[in-house]
Amino acid sequence: MHDLDIRLALHALLLRTWGDADTRIRHELGLSMGKRRIDVAVINNELVGYESKSDEDTLIRLTAQAGAYGRVFDRVILVTTQRHLDGANAMLPPWWGIIVAHNDNGIIHLEDVRAPTLNNQYDAFSLAQLLWRAEALEELRLRGQGRGLSKKARYYIWTALAKAVPLDELRSIVRTRLRSRRKWSGGRLRLSKGL
């Protein structure tokens, strides 16, 4: 089973489940200044990530991905095949969910194997990095904390925001900002490798 097969089935499931105006479905969401990318992020009253591992993939990067995703996502679900189920189950933190993709005569079925639970290991700086520089600076200014930062690099702005805002409030700010973005390049499901 190929990665595109899994992603198309997942995308259809997410549209059926979360296809409303209050939810954004974002493919290839960059984290850690683009050093990591999660395959799909669902953004509504929670930030939920989906990572896919097809038969063509390995689990070599999964531990590092789990660490990075755990700093920002409320829940994360691995969508994989039977081939990787046992290995992934042993590697992943217990709060991750797992879905197994089955190919039934060319039709991909997604089966819940392990339900995700709520993550409690967020990192404020990693969350702040999900905001564009201007968004983070505006949030600081709204709180009277933006003085002297307008010409600073985004690292300093993210650091200031992470220190200035309580974690639960920062999580809410990030979700609200990501959902409200209208001009946000990329983030679409690629239907072939050439697109």
Foldseek 3Di string as FASTA:
>chain_A
DDPLLQVVVVVVVCCVVPVDLQKDKFAQQAFPLNPDTFGIWIFHQFTETEHEAEPVHDCVCVLVVLVRCLQFGQEYEYEYAPVCVVVCVVRHDLQYWYWHWDQDPNHIDIHTDGHHHTRDNHQQLRLLVSDDQVLLLVVCVVVVRNPPPPPPDSSVSSVSSSVPDDPVVSSVSSSVVVSPDDDDPHRDRDNDPVD
